[in-house]
């Protein structure tokens, strides 16, 4: 089992090394987009004279960008987890043939895709919520009734 874990770690490191710069770029952009979503959400709560309608549009675009970037990150995670699971499974099957029915590659793929769907889906739902007509009208009403600072 220890050898299988070592093989899994080696495969993970080799896969990550192979996509080092694209992975860094995606993660930096994803962090920036998520940060923009957070800051825009704070600006909706404490606008400091900025119209909430504009901040809402910024939040929506940032959330949509974060969803796209999270999908790219999820694709990279899928490649990494499939390579790691395949290496683990190969060594484990050589050591313990009775585990030939185990399919860790499929389980790792399902976990990676499931996580991506949930997180990207939440970003998309957030983007759609702040683009909705009802929210736009609510922010217009709030902006009209809020005195200037």
C-alpha atoms as a PDB file:
ATOM      1  CA  UNK A   1       0.000   0.000   0.000  1.00  0.00           C
ATOM      2  CA  UNK A   2       2.863   2.379   0.813  1.00  0.00           C
ATOM      3  CA  UNK A   3       4.384   1.824  -2.614  1.00  0.00           C
ATOM      4  CA  UNK A   4       1.039   2.604  -4.227  1.00  0.00           C
ATOM      5  CA  UNK A   5       0.842   5.887  -2.326  1.00  0.00           C
ATOM      6  CA  UNK A   6       4.377   6.759  -3.404  1.00  0.00           C
ATOM      7  CA  UNK A   7       3.481   6.036  -7.021  1.00  0.00           C
ATOM      8  CA  UNK A   8       0.399   8.221  -6.641  1.00  0.00           C
ATOM      9  CA  UNK A   9       2.494  11.080  -5.259  1.00  0.00           C
ATOM     10  CA  UNK A  10       5.081  10.753  -8.047  1.00  0.00           C
ATOM     11  CA  UNK A  11       2.350  10.791 -10.692  1.00  0.00           C
ATOM     12  CA  UNK A  12       0.713  13.821  -9.080  1.00  0.00           C
ATOM     13  CA  UNK A  13       3.975  15.759  -8.965  1.00  0.00           C
ATOM     14  CA  UNK A  14       4.877  14.823 -12.544  1.00  0.00           C
ATOM     15  CA  UNK A  15       1.466  15.891 -13.826  1.00  0.00           C
ATOM     16  CA  UNK A  16       1.492  19.174 -11.927  1.00  0.00           C
ATOM     17  CA  UNK A  17       5.041  19.893 -13.124  1.00  0.00           C
ATOM     18  CA  UNK A  18       3.934  19.347 -16.708  1.00  0.00           C
ATOM     19  CA  UNK A  19       1.259  22.039 -16.442  1.00  0.00           C
ATOM     20  CA  UNK A  20       3.041  24.324 -14.021  1.00  0.00           C
ATOM     21  CA  UNK A  21       2.671  27.697 -15.777  1.00  0.00           C
ATOM     22  CA  UNK A  22      -0.869  27.227 -17.102  1.00  0.00           C
ATOM     23  CA  UNK A  23      -1.891  26.049 -13.634  1.00  0.00           C
ATOM     24  CA  UNK A  24      -0.313  29.088 -12.000  1.00  0.00           C
ATOM     25  CA  UNK A  25      -2.045  31.398 -14.479  1.00  0.00           C
ATOM     26  CA  UNK A  26      -5.469  29.806 -13.934  1.00  0.00           C
ATOM     27  CA  UNK A  27      -5.127  29.832 -10.143  1.00  0.00           C
ATOM     28  CA  UNK A  28      -3.931  33.456 -10.024  1.00  0.00           C
ATOM     29  CA  UNK A  29      -6.791  34.575 -12.273  1.00  0.00           C
ATOM     30  CA  UNK A  30      -9.297  32.499 -10.282  1.00  0.00           C
ATOM     31  CA  UNK A  31      -8.067  34.043  -7.038  1.00  0.00           C
ATOM     32  CA  UNK A  32      -8.399  37.511  -8.546  1.00  0.00           C
ATOM     33  CA  UNK A  33     -11.921  36.837  -9.809  1.00  0.00           C
ATOM     34  CA  UNK A  34     -13.024  35.382  -6.468  1.00  0.00           C
ATOM     35  CA  UNK A  35     -11.493  38.388  -4.727  1.00  0.00           C
ATOM     36  CA  UNK A  36     -13.440  40.721  -7.007  1.00  0.00           C
ATOM     37  CA  UNK A  37     -16.643  38.849  -6.156  1.00  0.00           C
ATOM     38  CA  UNK A  38     -15.887  39.268  -2.456  1.00  0.00           C
ATOM     39  CA  UNK A  39     -15.051  42.973  -2.731  1.00  0.00           C
ATOM     40  CA  UNK A  40     -18.116  43.654  -4.887  1.00  0.00           C
ATOM     41  CA  UNK A  41     -20.293  41.870  -2.326  1.00  0.00           C
ATOM     42  CA  UNK A  42     -18.814  44.085   0.399  1.00  0.00           C
ATOM     43  CA  UNK A  43     -19.480  47.157  -1.765  1.00  0.00           C
ATOM     44  CA  UNK A  44     -23.120  46.137  -2.061  1.00  0.00           C
ATOM     45  CA  UNK A  45     -23.333  46.113   1.712  1.00  0.00           C
ATOM     46  CA  UNK A  46     -21.361  49.340   2.229  1.00  0.00           C
ATOM     47  CA  UNK A  47     -21.507  51.230  -1.087  1.00  0.00           C
ATOM     48  CA  UNK A  48     -19.801  54.477   0.072  1.00  0.00           C
ATOM     49  CA  UNK A  49     -21.593  56.531  -2.559  1.00  0.00           C
ATOM     50  CA  UNK A  50     -21.223  54.070  -5.437  1.00  0.00           C
ATOM     51  CA  UNK A  51     -24.459  53.022  -7.152  1.00  0.00           C
ATOM     52  CA  UNK A  52     -25.401  49.494  -6.172  1.00  0.00           C
ATOM     53  CA  UNK A  53     -26.591  48.781  -9.686  1.00  0.00           C
ATOM     54  CA  UNK A  54     -23.069  49.178 -11.098  1.00  0.00           C
ATOM     55  CA  UNK A  55     -21.546  47.160  -8.284  1.00  0.00           C
ATOM     56  CA  UNK A  56     -24.116  44.451  -8.909  1.00  0.00           C
ATOM     57  CA  UNK A  57     -23.102  44.287 -12.577  1.00  0.00           C
ATOM     58  CA  UNK A  58     -19.433  44.044 -11.562  1.00  0.00           C
ATOM     59  CA  UNK A  59     -20.225  41.265  -9.096  1.00  0.00           C
ATOM     60  CA  UNK A  60     -22.166  39.382 -11.747  1.00  0.00           C
ATOM     61  CA  UNK A  61     -19.373  39.603 -14.331  1.00  0.00           C
ATOM     62  CA  UNK A  62     -16.728  38.648 -11.771  1.00  0.00           C
ATOM     63  CA  UNK A  63     -18.781  35.623 -10.658  1.00  0.00           C
ATOM     64  CA  UNK A  64     -19.233  34.525 -14.255  1.00  0.00           C
ATOM     65  CA  UNK A  65     -15.488  34.879 -14.854  1.00  0.00           C
ATOM     66  CA  UNK A  66     -14.801  32.908 -11.676  1.00  0.00           C
ATOM     67  CA  UNK A  67     -17.119  30.148 -12.924  1.00  0.00           C
ATOM     68  CA  UNK A  68     -15.224  29.899 -16.214  1.00  0.00           C
ATOM     69  CA  UNK A  69     -11.871  29.898 -14.435  1.00  0.00           C
ATOM     70  CA  UNK A  70     -13.077  27.321 -11.906  1.00  0.00           C
ATOM     71  CA  UNK A  71     -14.099  25.112 -14.822  1.00  0.00           C
ATOM     72  CA  UNK A  72     -10.575  25.383 -16.246  1.00  0.00           C
ATOM     73  CA  UNK A  73      -9.153  24.644 -12.789  1.00  0.00           C
ATOM     74  CA  UNK A  74     -11.481  21.657 -12.534  1.00  0.00           C
ATOM     75  CA  UNK A  75     -10.242  20.331 -15.884  1.00  0.00           C
ATOM     76  CA  UNK A  76      -6.674  20.581 -14.631  1.00  0.00           C
ATOM     77  CA  UNK A  77      -7.668  18.879 -11.368  1.00  0.00           C
ATOM     78  CA  UNK A  78      -9.296  16.093 -13.374  1.00  0.00           C
ATOM     79  CA  UNK A  79      -6.080  15.441 -15.307  1.00  0.00           C
ATOM     80  CA  UNK A  80      -4.064  15.384 -12.087  1.00  0.00           C
ATOM     81  CA  UNK A  81      -6.465  13.127 -10.201  1.00  0.00           C
ATOM     82  CA  UNK A  82      -6.800  10.682 -13.119  1.00  0.00           C
ATOM     83  CA  UNK A  83      -3.017  10.349 -13.435  1.00  0.00           C
ATOM     84  CA  UNK A  84      -2.583   9.898  -9.689  1.00  0.00           C
ATOM     85  CA  UNK A  85      -5.398   7.360  -9.444  1.00  0.00           C
ATOM     86  CA  UNK A  86      -4.084   5.394 -12.426  1.00  0.00           C
ATOM     87  CA  UNK A  87      -0.611   5.165 -10.884  1.00  0.00           C
ATOM     88  CA  UNK A  88      -2.059   4.139  -7.521  1.00  0.00           C
ATOM     89  CA  UNK A  89      -4.291   1.526  -9.103  1.00  0.00           C
ATOM     90  CA  UNK A  90      -1.485   0.071 -11.247  1.00  0.00           C
ATOM     91  CA  UNK A  91       0.809  -0.530  -8.276  1.00  0.00           C
ATOM     92  CA  UNK A  92      -2.023  -1.719  -6.038  1.00  0.00           C
ATOM     93  CA  UNK A  93      -3.205  -4.276  -8.619  1.00  0.00           C
ATOM     94  CA  UNK A  94       0.352  -5.595  -8.981  1.00  0.00           C
ATOM     95  CA  UNK A  95       0.624  -6.018  -5.199  1.00  0.00           C
ATOM     96  CA  UNK A  96      -2.921  -7.227  -4.481  1.00  0.00           C
ATOM     97  CA  UNK A  97      -4.573  -8.836  -7.553  1.00  0.00           C
ATOM     98  CA  UNK A  98      -7.821  -9.413  -5.637  1.00  0.00           C
ATOM     99  CA  UNK A  99      -8.452  -5.674  -5.897  1.00  0.00           C
ATOM    100  CA  UNK A 100      -8.662  -5.890  -9.691  1.00  0.00           C
ATOM    101  CA  UNK A 101     -12.312  -4.816  -9.550  1.00  0.00           C
ATOM    102  CA  UNK A 102     -11.509  -1.495  -7.898  1.00  0.00           C
ATOM    103  CA  UNK A 103     -11.630   1.409 -10.327  1.00  0.00           C
ATOM    104  CA  UNK A 104     -10.074   4.371  -8.579  1.00  0.00           C
ATOM    105  CA  UNK A 105      -9.688   6.328 -11.841  1.00  0.00           C
ATOM    106  CA  UNK A 106     -13.453   6.515 -12.281  1.00  0.00           C
ATOM    107  CA  UNK A 107     -14.015   7.418  -8.625  1.00  0.00           C
ATOM    108  CA  UNK A 108     -11.354  10.151  -8.781  1.00  0.00           C
ATOM    109  CA  UNK A 109     -12.892  11.503 -11.982  1.00  0.00           C
ATOM    110  CA  UNK A 110     -16.383  11.601 -10.518  1.00  0.00           C
ATOM    111  CA  UNK A 111     -15.132  13.383  -7.406  1.00  0.00           C
ATOM    112  CA  UNK A 112     -13.203  15.961  -9.438  1.00  0.00           C
ATOM    113  CA  UNK A 113     -16.048  16.643 -11.860  1.00  0.00           C
ATOM    114  CA  UNK A 114     -18.599  16.760  -9.039  1.00  0.00           C
ATOM    115  CA  UNK A 115     -16.614  19.343  -7.117  1.00  0.00           C
ATOM    116  CA  UNK A 116     -16.203  21.464 -10.237  1.00  0.00           C
ATOM    117  CA  UNK A 117     -19.908  21.300 -11.049  1.00  0.00           C
ATOM    118  CA  UNK A 118     -20.873  22.385  -7.533  1.00  0.00           C
ATOM    119  CA  UNK A 119     -18.429  25.293  -7.242  1.00  0.00           C
ATOM    120  CA  UNK A 120     -18.803  26.579 -10.814  1.00  0.00           C
ATOM    121  CA  UNK A 121     -22.576  26.124 -10.526  1.00  0.00           C
ATOM    122  CA  UNK A 122     -22.667  28.284  -7.413  1.00  0.00           C
ATOM    123  CA  UNK A 123     -20.702  31.022  -9.175  1.00  0.00           C
ATOM    124  CA  UNK A 124     -23.105  30.842 -12.141  1.00  0.00           C
ATOM    125  CA  UNK A 125     -26.115  30.971  -9.829  1.00  0.00           C
ATOM    126  CA  UNK A 126     -24.628  34.026  -8.106  1.00  0.00           C
ATOM    127  CA  UNK A 127     -24.016  35.710 -11.475  1.00  0.00           C
ATOM    128  CA  UNK A 128     -27.575  34.999 -12.629  1.00  0.00           C
ATOM    129  CA  UNK A 129     -29.049  36.206  -9.352  1.00  0.00           C
ATOM    130  CA  UNK A 130     -27.348  39.577  -9.570  1.00  0.00           C
ATOM    131  CA  UNK A 131     -28.312  39.921 -13.253  1.00  0.00           C
ATOM    132  CA  UNK A 132     -31.978  39.239 -12.568  1.00  0.00           C
ATOM    133  CA  UNK A 133     -34.512  41.945 -13.327  1.00  0.00           C
ATOM    134  CA  UNK A 134     -35.922  41.857  -9.802  1.00  0.00           C
ATOM    135  CA  UNK A 135     -32.546  42.509  -8.180  1.00  0.00           C
ATOM    136  CA  UNK A 136     -31.780  45.254 -10.707  1.00  0.00           C
ATOM    137  CA  UNK A 137     -35.065  46.984  -9.874  1.00  0.00           C
ATOM    138  CA  UNK A 138     -34.436  46.578  -6.143  1.00  0.00           C
ATOM    139  CA  UNK A 139     -30.999  48.184  -6.419  1.00  0.00           C
ATOM    140  CA  UNK A 140     -32.396  51.022  -8.542  1.00  0.00           C
ATOM    141  CA  UNK A 141     -35.003  51.692  -5.856  1.00  0.00           C
ATOM    142  CA  UNK A 142     -32.412  51.563  -3.071  1.00  0.00           C
ATOM    143  CA  UNK A 143     -30.049  53.853  -5.003  1.00  0.00           C
ATOM    144  CA  UNK A 144     -32.850  56.415  -5.580  1.00  0.00           C
ATOM    145  CA  UNK A 145     -33.846  56.418  -1.910  1.00  0.00           C
ATOM    146  CA  UNK A 146     -30.349  56.483  -0.449  1.00  0.00           C
ATOM    147  CA  UNK A 147     -29.032  59.974   0.347  1.00  0.00           C
ATOM    148  CA  UNK A 148     -25.627  60.942  -1.058  1.00  0.00           C
ATOM    149  CA  UNK A 149     -22.720  60.754   1.379  1.00  0.00           C
END
